[in-house]
Amino acid sequence: MQSQPIGIFDSGVGGTSVFKEIHQLLPNESIIYLADSFNAPYGNKSAEEIKNLSEKNTRFLISMNCKLIVVACNTATTNAIGYLRSNFNLPFIGIEPAIKPAALQSKTGSIGILATKGTLASDLFHKTTNLYSNNIKVVEQTGTGIVELIESGKLYSEDMRNLLKTYLQPMILANIDHLVLGCTHYPYLIPLFKELLPENVKIIDSGEAVARQTKNILIQNQLLNTGEEQPNISFYTNTNPAVLKQILENKYSVAYKDF
């Protein structure tokens, strides 16, 4: 099984930020990436809908002989990863907002979290927040509209800039010194965040930590690919591949698949 691919799925193109971290850390691993852009965003769907979509994505990746699945979507992780682990016999890696490091490192006692409605409303998010936010002010903001703009190719548009200004202003007024990115789409906006936030605000996303955990789980399960053959990297989307190709800087081919 060592030569079988890692599967990654997200509600669109955002999880490619996680793919890049995994591919950089594990260059020998073949990877299949599934972008469920047709159903993006997951953040405004019910927990049951998110669970069903996550199961559908998982079954597709299993049909492609994936040995491990990375749920590169905060909303899918917080709402469905327990269900996936209970119903499928392979390792799953999830992703959730990096509240712990932000809370522990904060000097001002105030941190911001930008995430989808589905993530902010989940039990797992509230459990993590309550665990690490003692004596810390947490400014939560639902990023309504951000994913839709990214999925439509308007990454650095004026609409995006104005939307982010609206969402970040309360955080700036609350004197945050850390901004936690609670959606895998959001790391692509880091240049805009740096432009709009004070210089002292540290931006935290979970991609690197997910890559390290993926490597650890592969080693623990004796699934790490130690072969020398060239890995196969495949991308699938159920909408127009143009946006995914743009995000990937045209470095990889993208196939349309109605899954």
Protein backbone atom coordinates (compact mmCIF):
# COMPACT_ATOMS: atom_id res chain seq x y z
CA MET A 1 0.00 0.00 0.00
CA GLN A 2 2.98 2.34 0.38
CA SER A 3 2.89 3.39 -3.27
CA GLN A 4 -0.86 4.14 -3.22
CA PRO A 5 -1.84 7.81 -3.27
CA ILE A 6 -2.82 10.17 -0.49
CA GLY A 7 -6.33 11.51 -1.05
CA ILE A 8 -7.22 15.13 -0.29
CA PHE A 9 -10.66 16.71 -0.54
CA ASP A 10 -12.07 20.17 0.03
CA SER A 11 -15.18 22.13 -0.80
CA GLY A 12 -13.32 23.67 -3.72
CA VAL A 13 -9.87 25.04 -4.44
CA GLY A 14 -8.91 26.17 -0.93
CA GLY A 15 -7.47 22.84 0.15
CA THR A 16 -4.71 23.25 -2.42
CA SER A 17 -3.00 25.38 0.25
CA VAL A 18 -2.81 22.17 2.30
CA PHE A 19 -1.81 20.11 -0.75
CA LYS A 20 1.21 22.38 -1.29
CA GLU A 21 2.40 21.85 2.29
CA ILE A 22 1.96 18.08 2.06
CA HIS A 23 3.66 17.83 -1.33
CA GLN A 24 6.58 19.93 -0.10
CA LEU A 25 7.08 17.77 3.01
CA LEU A 26 6.37 14.44 1.27
CA PRO A 27 7.66 14.81 -2.31
CA ASN A 28 7.68 11.02 -2.93
CA GLU A 29 3.96 10.62 -2.28
CA SER A 30 1.40 10.39 -5.07
CA ILE A 31 -1.62 12.59 -4.37
CA ILE A 32 -5.18 12.79 -5.66
CA TYR A 33 -6.93 16.09 -4.96
CA LEU A 34 -10.71 16.39 -5.16
CA ALA A 35 -12.30 19.86 -5.40
CA ASP A 36 -16.04 19.75 -4.72
CA SER A 37 -16.47 23.28 -6.07
CA PHE A 38 -20.00 22.58 -7.30
CA ASN A 39 -21.15 22.39 -3.66
CA ALA A 40 -18.96 25.19 -2.33
CA PRO A 41 -19.13 26.67 0.19
CA TYR A 42 -19.79 23.98 2.81
CA GLY A 43 -19.90 26.62 5.55
CA ASN A 44 -23.54 27.57 5.03
CA LYS A 45 -24.86 23.99 4.83
CA SER A 46 -26.37 21.85 7.57
CA ALA A 47 -24.25 19.34 9.48
CA GLU A 48 -26.14 16.52 7.77
CA GLU A 49 -25.43 17.93 4.30
CA ILE A 50 -21.74 18.35 5.15
CA LYS A 51 -21.55 14.77 6.41
CA ASN A 52 -23.19 13.43 3.24
CA LEU A 53 -20.90 15.43 0.94
CA SER A 54 -17.84 14.32 2.93
CA GLU A 55 -18.92 10.69 2.63
CA LYS A 56 -19.41 11.08 -1.13
CA ASN A 57 -15.92 12.60 -1.50
CA THR A 58 -14.43 9.86 0.65
CA ARG A 59 -16.01 7.10 -1.43
CA PHE A 60 -14.60 8.65 -4.61
CA LEU A 61 -11.07 8.78 -3.16
CA ILE A 62 -11.33 5.22 -1.87
CA SER A 63 -12.39 4.12 -5.36
CA MET A 64 -9.09 5.65 -6.52
CA ASN A 65 -7.20 3.39 -4.05
CA CYS A 66 -6.15 6.14 -1.66
CA LYS A 67 -4.34 4.86 1.45
CA LEU A 68 -5.09 7.87 3.65
CA ILE A 69 -7.49 10.80 3.32
CA VAL A 70 -6.84 14.40 4.32
CA VAL A 71 -10.02 16.35 4.97
CA ALA A 72 -8.57 19.69 3.85
CA CYS A 73 -11.67 21.61 4.88
CA ASN A 74 -12.26 23.07 8.34
CA THR A 75 -16.05 22.82 8.00
CA ALA A 76 -15.95 19.17 6.90
CA THR A 77 -13.49 18.29 9.66
CA THR A 78 -15.47 19.90 12.46
CA ASN A 79 -18.77 18.44 11.27
CA ALA A 80 -17.94 15.07 9.72
CA ILE A 81 -14.54 13.60 10.55
CA GLY A 82 -15.84 11.59 13.50
CA TYR A 83 -18.44 10.02 11.24
CA LEU A 84 -15.84 9.26 8.55
CA ARG A 85 -13.47 7.62 11.01
CA SER A 86 -16.30 5.46 12.35
CA ASN A 87 -17.45 4.28 8.94
CA PHE A 88 -14.29 3.84 6.85
CA ASN A 89 -11.29 1.66 7.61
CA LEU A 90 -8.39 3.94 6.69
CA PRO A 91 -6.63 6.87 8.40
CA PHE A 92 -8.14 10.36 8.21
CA ILE A 93 -6.31 13.63 8.86
CA GLY A 94 -8.47 16.63 9.72
CA ILE A 95 -7.90 20.35 9.90
CA GLU A 96 -9.28 22.85 12.38
CA PRO A 97 -8.46 26.46 13.28
CA ALA A 98 -5.13 26.84 15.11
CA ILE A 99 -6.65 28.47 18.18
CA LYS A 100 -4.18 26.94 20.64
CA PRO A 101 -0.96 28.57 19.36
CA ALA A 102 -2.70 31.91 18.87
CA ALA A 103 -4.08 31.93 22.41
CA LEU A 104 -0.80 30.80 23.99
CA GLN A 105 1.33 33.30 22.09
CA SER A 106 -0.95 36.36 22.36
CA LYS A 107 0.59 39.37 24.09
CA THR A 108 -2.45 41.63 23.88
CA GLY A 109 -4.86 38.98 25.17
CA SER A 110 -6.98 39.33 22.04
CA ILE A 111 -7.10 37.10 18.96
CA GLY A 112 -9.28 37.02 15.85
CA ILE A 113 -10.76 33.99 14.12
CA LEU A 114 -12.05 34.22 10.56
CA ALA A 115 -13.97 31.10 9.56
CA THR A 116 -17.10 29.81 7.89
CA LYS A 117 -20.45 29.67 9.64
CA GLY A 118 -20.30 25.86 9.68
CA THR A 119 -16.94 25.83 11.46
CA LEU A 120 -17.83 28.51 14.02
CA ALA A 121 -21.11 26.74 14.86
CA SER A 122 -19.61 23.27 15.30
CA ASP A 123 -19.24 21.46 18.62
CA LEU A 124 -15.58 20.70 17.93
CA PHE A 125 -14.78 24.38 17.38
CA HIS A 126 -16.51 25.41 20.62
CA LYS A 127 -14.75 22.66 22.56
CA THR A 128 -11.33 23.76 21.29
CA THR A 129 -12.06 27.45 21.85
CA ASN A 130 -13.25 26.90 25.42
CA LEU A 131 -10.19 24.79 26.15
CA TYR A 132 -7.62 27.42 25.15
CA SER A 133 -9.30 30.80 25.44
CA ASN A 134 -9.25 31.38 29.20
CA ASN A 135 -8.38 35.04 29.84
CA ILE A 136 -8.24 35.60 26.07
CA LYS A 137 -10.68 37.71 24.10
CA VAL A 138 -11.71 35.85 20.95
CA VAL A 139 -13.20 37.93 18.13
CA GLU A 140 -15.07 35.54 15.84
CA GLN A 141 -16.03 36.57 12.32
CA THR A 142 -17.97 34.56 9.75
CA GLY A 143 -16.33 34.98 6.36
CA THR A 144 -19.54 35.10 4.35
CA GLY A 145 -18.85 35.56 0.64
CA ILE A 146 -15.08 34.97 0.72
CA VAL A 147 -15.14 31.41 -0.61
CA GLU A 148 -17.61 32.35 -3.34
CA LEU A 149 -15.31 35.15 -4.57
CA ILE A 150 -12.27 32.86 -4.59
CA GLU A 151 -14.16 30.08 -6.38
CA SER A 152 -15.25 32.58 -9.03
CA GLY A 153 -11.66 33.70 -9.66
CA LYS A 154 -11.91 37.07 -7.85
CA LEU A 155 -9.07 36.47 -5.42
CA TYR A 156 -7.58 39.98 -5.28
CA SER A 157 -10.58 41.89 -6.55
CA GLU A 158 -11.88 45.16 -5.13
CA ASP A 159 -14.94 43.28 -3.90
CA MET A 160 -12.67 40.99 -1.90
CA ARG A 161 -10.67 43.88 -0.50
CA ASN A 162 -13.81 45.70 0.65
CA LEU A 163 -15.24 42.54 2.20
CA LEU A 164 -12.06 41.87 4.16
CA LYS A 165 -11.93 45.48 5.39
CA THR A 166 -15.42 45.03 6.84
CA TYR A 167 -14.52 41.77 8.56
CA LEU A 168 -11.14 42.87 9.91
CA GLN A 169 -12.13 46.28 11.30
CA PRO A 170 -13.74 44.93 14.53
CA MET A 171 -10.65 42.79 15.10
CA ILE A 172 -8.33 45.76 14.67
CA LEU A 173 -10.45 47.77 17.14
CA ALA A 174 -10.22 44.85 19.60
CA ASN A 175 -6.39 45.02 19.38
CA ILE A 176 -5.85 41.45 18.17
CA ASP A 177 -2.27 40.33 17.71
CA HIS A 178 -3.08 36.98 16.02
CA LEU A 179 -5.48 36.21 13.18
CA VAL A 180 -6.43 32.54 12.93
CA LEU A 181 -7.51 31.46 9.44
CA GLY A 182 -10.33 28.96 9.84
CA CYS A 183 -10.80 27.97 6.20
CA THR A 184 -8.28 26.47 3.78
CA HIS A 185 -9.29 29.01 1.13
CA TYR A 186 -8.08 31.89 3.29
CA PRO A 187 -4.27 31.41 3.12
CA TYR A 188 -4.45 32.62 -0.49
CA LEU A 189 -5.55 35.98 0.93
CA ILE A 190 -2.51 36.44 3.18
CA PRO A 191 -1.08 39.24 0.98
CA LEU A 192 -4.34 41.18 1.48
CA PHE A 193 -4.45 40.40 5.20
CA LYS A 194 -0.91 41.76 5.60
CA GLU A 195 -1.88 44.88 3.72
CA LEU A 196 -5.01 45.52 5.79
CA LEU A 197 -3.83 44.51 9.28
CA PRO A 198 -1.32 46.23 11.60
CA GLU A 199 2.23 44.89 11.23
CA ASN A 200 2.23 43.27 14.68
CA VAL A 201 -0.64 40.88 13.83
CA LYS A 202 0.61 37.34 13.19
CA ILE A 203 -1.43 35.29 10.71
CA ILE A 204 -1.81 31.59 11.53
CA ASP A 205 -3.07 28.80 9.32
CA SER A 206 -2.95 25.04 9.84
CA GLY A 207 -1.47 23.77 6.58
CA GLU A 208 2.06 23.03 7.81
CA ALA A 209 0.77 21.27 10.94
CA VAL A 210 -1.53 19.09 8.80
CA ALA A 211 1.42 18.09 6.60
CA ARG A 212 3.47 17.08 9.65
CA GLN A 213 0.56 15.07 11.05
CA THR A 214 0.07 13.37 7.69
CA LYS A 215 3.71 12.27 7.71
CA ASN A 216 3.44 11.03 11.31
CA ILE A 217 0.34 8.95 10.57
CA LEU A 218 1.90 7.48 7.43
CA ILE A 219 4.95 6.41 9.45
CA GLN A 220 2.82 4.99 12.29
CA ASN A 221 0.79 2.91 9.84
CA GLN A 222 3.84 1.88 7.77
CA LEU A 223 2.35 3.62 4.75
CA LEU A 224 5.16 6.08 3.96
CA ASN A 225 6.31 5.73 0.37
CA THR A 226 10.04 5.05 0.37
CA GLY A 227 10.24 4.21 -3.34
CA GLU A 228 12.16 6.25 -5.88
CA GLU A 229 9.53 6.28 -8.63
CA GLN A 230 8.07 9.56 -9.82
CA PRO A 231 4.86 10.33 -7.89
CA ASN A 232 1.57 10.90 -9.71
CA ILE A 233 -0.26 14.13 -8.85
CA SER A 234 -3.90 14.31 -10.01
CA PHE A 235 -6.57 17.00 -9.60
CA TYR A 236 -10.29 16.58 -10.13
CA THR A 237 -13.09 19.15 -10.00
CA ASN A 238 -16.82 19.05 -10.70
CA THR A 239 -16.93 22.59 -12.12
CA ASN A 240 -14.96 24.55 -14.71
CA PRO A 241 -11.28 23.62 -14.11
CA ALA A 242 -10.06 27.16 -14.94
CA VAL A 243 -10.08 28.53 -11.36
CA LEU A 244 -8.31 25.47 -9.95
CA LYS A 245 -5.70 25.69 -12.73
CA GLN A 246 -5.19 29.38 -11.91
CA ILE A 247 -4.72 28.66 -8.19
CA LEU A 248 -2.18 25.98 -9.12
CA GLU A 249 -0.40 28.48 -11.39
CA ASN A 250 -0.94 26.07 -14.32
CA LYS A 251 1.65 23.69 -12.90
CA TYR A 252 -0.70 20.70 -12.98
CA SER A 253 -3.42 19.42 -15.26
CA VAL A 254 -6.96 19.42 -13.87
CA ALA A 255 -9.65 16.98 -14.97
CA TYR A 256 -13.38 17.64 -14.85
CA LYS A 257 -15.32 14.79 -13.24
CA ASP A 258 -18.99 14.65 -12.32
CA PHE A 259 -18.71 12.95 -8.94
